[in-house]
């Protein structure tokens, strides 16, 4: 191991190590869909609620959706908070 200009350079000591290094893979194989956690989904967009004389407008990220009643808006927000990834996918299809 040699340190040059604040860069760490790893030099294998034997030929056997050089042969094994390309075979090693830290990434697991066949994971399927890469899905963020619920906390990551909720942190990625701001949720804004604008109350009107009749209903409200809910903004999630750059999208805004008008609801006729506050109850309908709150049920949609609760569904999004409970399961953000699936709700986001569902709303992407609708919008």
N, C-alpha and C. Protein backbone atom coordinates (compact mmCIF):
# COMPACT_ATOMS: atom_id res chain seq x y z
N UNK A 1 0.84 -1.16 0.00
CA UNK A 1 0.00 0.00 0.00
C UNK A 1 0.90 1.24 0.00
N UNK A 2 0.61 2.16 -0.90
CA UNK A 2 1.41 3.36 -1.04
C UNK A 2 0.47 4.55 -1.05
N UNK A 3 0.84 5.60 -0.33
CA UNK A 3 0.04 6.82 -0.32
C UNK A 3 0.78 7.88 -1.12
N UNK A 4 0.13 8.37 -2.16
CA UNK A 4 0.71 9.42 -2.99
C UNK A 4 -0.33 10.52 -3.19
N UNK A 5 0.04 11.72 -2.90
CA UNK A 5 -0.83 12.87 -3.11
C UNK A 5 -2.21 12.65 -2.51
N UNK A 6 -2.25 12.15 -1.31
CA UNK A 6 -3.48 11.90 -0.57
C UNK A 6 -4.42 10.90 -1.25
N UNK A 7 -3.89 10.05 -2.09
CA UNK A 7 -4.66 9.01 -2.74
C UNK A 7 -4.08 7.67 -2.29
N UNK A 8 -4.93 6.80 -1.82
CA UNK A 8 -4.51 5.50 -1.34
C UNK A 8 -4.54 4.52 -2.52
N UNK A 9 -3.41 3.90 -2.80
CA UNK A 9 -3.31 2.96 -3.90
C UNK A 9 -3.06 1.58 -3.31
N UNK A 10 -3.91 0.63 -3.66
CA UNK A 10 -3.77 -0.73 -3.16
C UNK A 10 -3.12 -1.57 -4.24
N UNK A 11 -2.01 -2.19 -3.88
CA UNK A 11 -1.31 -3.08 -4.80
C UNK A 11 -1.35 -4.48 -4.21
N UNK A 12 -1.98 -5.42 -4.92
CA UNK A 12 -2.00 -6.80 -4.43
C UNK A 12 -0.59 -7.37 -4.35
N UNK A 13 -0.35 -8.17 -3.33
CA UNK A 13 0.99 -8.71 -3.10
C UNK A 13 1.29 -9.93 -3.97
N UNK A 14 0.27 -10.67 -4.34
CA UNK A 14 0.51 -11.89 -5.11
C UNK A 14 -0.38 -11.92 -6.34
N UNK A 15 -0.03 -12.78 -7.25
CA UNK A 15 -0.83 -12.98 -8.45
C UNK A 15 -2.20 -13.56 -8.11
N UNK A 16 -2.26 -14.41 -7.08
CA UNK A 16 -3.53 -15.02 -6.71
C UNK A 16 -4.53 -13.95 -6.28
N UNK A 17 -4.08 -12.96 -5.57
CA UNK A 17 -4.99 -11.88 -5.16
C UNK A 17 -5.48 -11.10 -6.37
N UNK A 18 -4.61 -10.87 -7.34
CA UNK A 18 -5.00 -10.16 -8.55
C UNK A 18 -6.06 -10.93 -9.31
N UNK A 19 -5.96 -12.26 -9.29
CA UNK A 19 -6.95 -13.07 -9.98
C UNK A 19 -8.28 -13.09 -9.26
N UNK A 20 -8.29 -13.03 -7.94
CA UNK A 20 -9.52 -13.10 -7.16
C UNK A 20 -10.27 -11.77 -7.12
N UNK A 21 -9.58 -10.68 -7.20
CA UNK A 21 -10.23 -9.38 -7.04
C UNK A 21 -11.32 -9.14 -8.09
N UNK A 22 -11.11 -9.39 -9.39
CA UNK A 22 -12.19 -9.16 -10.35
C UNK A 22 -13.41 -10.05 -10.10
N UNK A 23 -13.19 -11.23 -9.53
CA UNK A 23 -14.30 -12.14 -9.28
C UNK A 23 -15.17 -11.69 -8.11
N UNK A 24 -14.59 -10.95 -7.19
CA UNK A 24 -15.35 -10.49 -6.04
C UNK A 24 -16.31 -9.40 -6.47
N UNK A 25 -17.53 -9.53 -6.03
CA UNK A 25 -18.52 -8.50 -6.33
C UNK A 25 -19.27 -8.19 -5.05
N UNK A 26 -19.24 -6.91 -4.67
CA UNK A 26 -19.95 -6.51 -3.45
C UNK A 26 -21.43 -6.30 -3.70
N UNK A 27 -21.83 -6.11 -4.93
CA UNK A 27 -23.24 -5.88 -5.24
C UNK A 27 -23.96 -7.22 -5.33
N UNK A 28 -25.06 -7.37 -4.59
CA UNK A 28 -25.82 -8.62 -4.70
C UNK A 28 -26.48 -8.73 -6.07
N UNK A 29 -26.69 -9.93 -6.51
CA UNK A 29 -27.24 -10.15 -7.84
C UNK A 29 -28.73 -10.47 -7.74
N UNK A 30 -29.46 -10.13 -8.81
CA UNK A 30 -30.89 -10.43 -8.95
C UNK A 30 -31.72 -9.86 -7.80
N UNK A 31 -31.55 -8.59 -7.54
CA UNK A 31 -32.34 -7.95 -6.49
C UNK A 31 -33.74 -7.60 -6.95
N UNK A 32 -33.94 -7.44 -8.22
CA UNK A 32 -35.24 -7.03 -8.73
C UNK A 32 -35.36 -5.52 -8.67
N UNK A 33 -36.53 -5.05 -8.26
CA UNK A 33 -36.79 -3.62 -8.22
C UNK A 33 -36.11 -2.97 -7.03
N UNK A 34 -35.47 -1.85 -7.26
CA UNK A 34 -34.83 -1.09 -6.20
C UNK A 34 -35.87 -0.13 -5.63
N UNK A 35 -36.26 -0.33 -4.38
CA UNK A 35 -37.33 0.44 -3.78
C UNK A 35 -36.79 1.22 -2.58
N UNK A 36 -37.03 2.54 -2.54
CA UNK A 36 -36.59 3.32 -1.38
C UNK A 36 -37.45 3.02 -0.16
N UNK A 37 -36.94 3.33 1.01
CA UNK A 37 -37.71 3.12 2.23
C UNK A 37 -38.82 4.16 2.32
N UNK A 38 -39.78 3.92 3.22
CA UNK A 38 -40.88 4.87 3.41
C UNK A 38 -40.36 6.23 3.85
N UNK A 39 -39.38 6.24 4.74
CA UNK A 39 -38.82 7.51 5.22
C UNK A 39 -38.17 8.28 4.07
N UNK A 40 -37.45 7.59 3.18
CA UNK A 40 -36.83 8.26 2.04
C UNK A 40 -37.87 8.84 1.10
N UNK A 41 -38.96 8.11 0.88
CA UNK A 41 -40.04 8.61 0.01
C UNK A 41 -40.67 9.86 0.60
N UNK A 42 -40.92 9.83 1.91
CA UNK A 42 -41.57 10.98 2.54
C UNK A 42 -40.64 12.19 2.61
N UNK A 43 -39.35 11.97 2.71
CA UNK A 43 -38.40 13.08 2.77
C UNK A 43 -38.15 13.71 1.41
N UNK A 44 -38.48 13.02 0.33
CA UNK A 44 -38.13 13.52 -1.00
C UNK A 44 -39.07 14.61 -1.51
N UNK A 45 -40.29 14.73 -0.96
CA UNK A 45 -41.24 15.74 -1.42
C UNK A 45 -41.86 16.48 -0.24
N UNK A 46 -42.07 17.78 -0.43
CA UNK A 46 -42.80 18.58 0.55
C UNK A 46 -44.30 18.39 0.33
N UNK A 47 -45.06 18.38 1.41
CA UNK A 47 -46.51 18.29 1.33
C UNK A 47 -47.09 19.61 1.82
N UNK A 48 -47.86 20.28 0.96
CA UNK A 48 -48.48 21.55 1.31
C UNK A 48 -49.99 21.42 1.20
N UNK A 49 -50.71 22.02 2.14
CA UNK A 49 -52.16 22.01 2.13
C UNK A 49 -52.65 23.45 2.13
N UNK A 50 -53.46 23.80 1.15
CA UNK A 50 -54.06 25.13 1.09
C UNK A 50 -55.56 24.97 1.25
N UNK A 51 -56.09 25.45 2.36
CA UNK A 51 -57.51 25.32 2.65
C UNK A 51 -58.28 26.42 1.94
N UNK A 52 -59.37 26.04 1.31
CA UNK A 52 -60.22 26.97 0.58
C UNK A 52 -61.59 27.03 1.25
N UNK A 53 -62.48 27.89 0.73
CA UNK A 53 -63.83 27.96 1.31
C UNK A 53 -64.57 26.65 1.11
N UNK A 54 -64.25 25.94 0.04
CA UNK A 54 -64.85 24.63 -0.20
C UNK A 54 -63.73 23.68 -0.60
N UNK A 55 -63.34 22.80 0.29
CA UNK A 55 -62.28 21.84 -0.01
C UNK A 55 -60.90 22.41 0.22
N UNK A 56 -59.93 21.82 -0.45
CA UNK A 56 -58.55 22.27 -0.30
C UNK A 56 -57.72 21.79 -1.48
N UNK A 57 -56.53 22.33 -1.57
CA UNK A 57 -55.56 21.92 -2.60
C UNK A 57 -54.36 21.32 -1.87
N UNK A 58 -54.01 20.11 -2.24
CA UNK A 58 -52.87 19.42 -1.65
C UNK A 58 -51.76 19.38 -2.69
N UNK A 59 -50.61 19.88 -2.30
CA UNK A 59 -49.44 19.85 -3.17
C UNK A 59 -48.40 18.89 -2.63
N UNK A 60 -47.95 17.99 -3.48
CA UNK A 60 -46.88 17.06 -3.14
C UNK A 60 -45.81 17.24 -4.20
N UNK A 61 -44.68 17.81 -3.78
CA UNK A 61 -43.64 18.13 -4.75
C UNK A 61 -44.13 19.22 -5.68
N UNK A 62 -44.07 18.98 -6.99
CA UNK A 62 -44.51 19.98 -7.96
C UNK A 62 -45.95 19.76 -8.41
N UNK A 63 -46.60 18.70 -7.95
CA UNK A 63 -47.98 18.40 -8.34
C UNK A 63 -48.95 18.97 -7.31
N UNK A 64 -50.10 19.47 -7.80
CA UNK A 64 -51.15 19.95 -6.92
C UNK A 64 -52.46 19.29 -7.31
N UNK A 65 -53.20 18.84 -6.31
CA UNK A 65 -54.46 18.14 -6.55
C UNK A 65 -55.54 18.82 -5.72
N UNK A 66 -56.65 19.15 -6.36
CA UNK A 66 -57.77 19.79 -5.68
C UNK A 66 -58.72 18.70 -5.16
N UNK A 67 -59.18 18.88 -3.93
CA UNK A 67 -60.15 17.98 -3.32
C UNK A 67 -61.39 18.78 -2.96
N UNK A 68 -62.56 18.19 -3.16
CA UNK A 68 -63.82 18.87 -2.86
C UNK A 68 -64.07 19.01 -1.37
N UNK A 69 -63.54 18.08 -0.59
CA UNK A 69 -63.74 18.15 0.86
C UNK A 69 -62.41 17.91 1.57
N UNK A 70 -62.31 18.45 2.75
CA UNK A 70 -61.09 18.28 3.55
C UNK A 70 -60.95 16.82 3.97
N UNK A 71 -62.08 16.15 4.22
CA UNK A 71 -62.04 14.73 4.62
C UNK A 71 -61.40 13.86 3.54
N UNK A 72 -61.78 14.12 2.27
CA UNK A 72 -61.18 13.35 1.16
C UNK A 72 -59.68 13.62 1.05
N UNK A 73 -59.30 14.87 1.24
CA UNK A 73 -57.88 15.22 1.19
C UNK A 73 -57.11 14.54 2.31
N UNK A 74 -57.66 14.56 3.51
CA UNK A 74 -56.97 13.95 4.65
C UNK A 74 -56.85 12.44 4.49
N UNK A 75 -57.87 11.81 3.93
CA UNK A 75 -57.76 10.36 3.71
C UNK A 75 -56.69 10.05 2.67
N UNK A 76 -56.57 10.89 1.64
CA UNK A 76 -55.51 10.69 0.63
C UNK A 76 -54.14 10.93 1.23
N UNK A 77 -54.01 11.95 2.07
CA UNK A 77 -52.72 12.23 2.72
C UNK A 77 -52.35 11.10 3.68
N UNK A 78 -53.32 10.61 4.45
CA UNK A 78 -53.04 9.50 5.37
C UNK A 78 -52.62 8.24 4.62
N UNK A 79 -53.24 7.97 3.47
CA UNK A 79 -52.85 6.82 2.66
C UNK A 79 -51.43 6.99 2.14
N UNK A 80 -51.08 8.23 1.75
CA UNK A 80 -49.72 8.49 1.25
C UNK A 80 -48.69 8.33 2.36
N UNK A 81 -49.00 8.81 3.56
CA UNK A 81 -48.05 8.70 4.67
C UNK A 81 -47.90 7.25 5.11
N UNK A 82 -48.97 6.48 5.08
CA UNK A 82 -48.92 5.07 5.49
C UNK A 82 -48.14 4.21 4.51
N UNK A 83 -48.25 4.52 3.21
CA UNK A 83 -47.61 3.69 2.19
C UNK A 83 -47.17 4.59 1.03
N UNK A 84 -46.10 5.38 1.20
CA UNK A 84 -45.77 6.41 0.22
C UNK A 84 -45.35 5.88 -1.15
N UNK A 85 -44.63 4.79 -1.20
CA UNK A 85 -44.13 4.31 -2.50
C UNK A 85 -45.28 3.86 -3.39
N UNK A 86 -46.19 3.04 -2.85
CA UNK A 86 -47.31 2.53 -3.66
C UNK A 86 -48.26 3.66 -4.05
N UNK A 87 -48.52 4.58 -3.13
CA UNK A 87 -49.41 5.70 -3.44
C UNK A 87 -48.79 6.60 -4.52
N UNK A 88 -47.50 6.80 -4.46
CA UNK A 88 -46.83 7.61 -5.48
C UNK A 88 -46.95 6.95 -6.84
N UNK A 89 -46.77 5.63 -6.90
CA UNK A 89 -46.91 4.90 -8.16
C UNK A 89 -48.35 4.98 -8.67
N UNK A 90 -49.32 4.88 -7.76
CA UNK A 90 -50.73 4.95 -8.15
C UNK A 90 -51.08 6.33 -8.70
N UNK A 91 -50.60 7.38 -8.05
CA UNK A 91 -50.89 8.73 -8.52
C UNK A 91 -50.15 9.05 -9.81
N UNK A 92 -48.98 8.47 -10.03
CA UNK A 92 -48.28 8.67 -11.30
C UNK A 92 -49.11 8.15 -12.47
N UNK A 93 -49.77 7.01 -12.25
CA UNK A 93 -50.62 6.45 -13.31
C UNK A 93 -51.82 7.35 -13.59
N UNK A 94 -52.40 7.93 -12.53
CA UNK A 94 -53.59 8.78 -12.67
C UNK A 94 -53.28 10.13 -13.28
N UNK A 95 -52.10 10.66 -13.00
CA UNK A 95 -51.75 11.99 -13.50
C UNK A 95 -50.93 11.83 -14.71
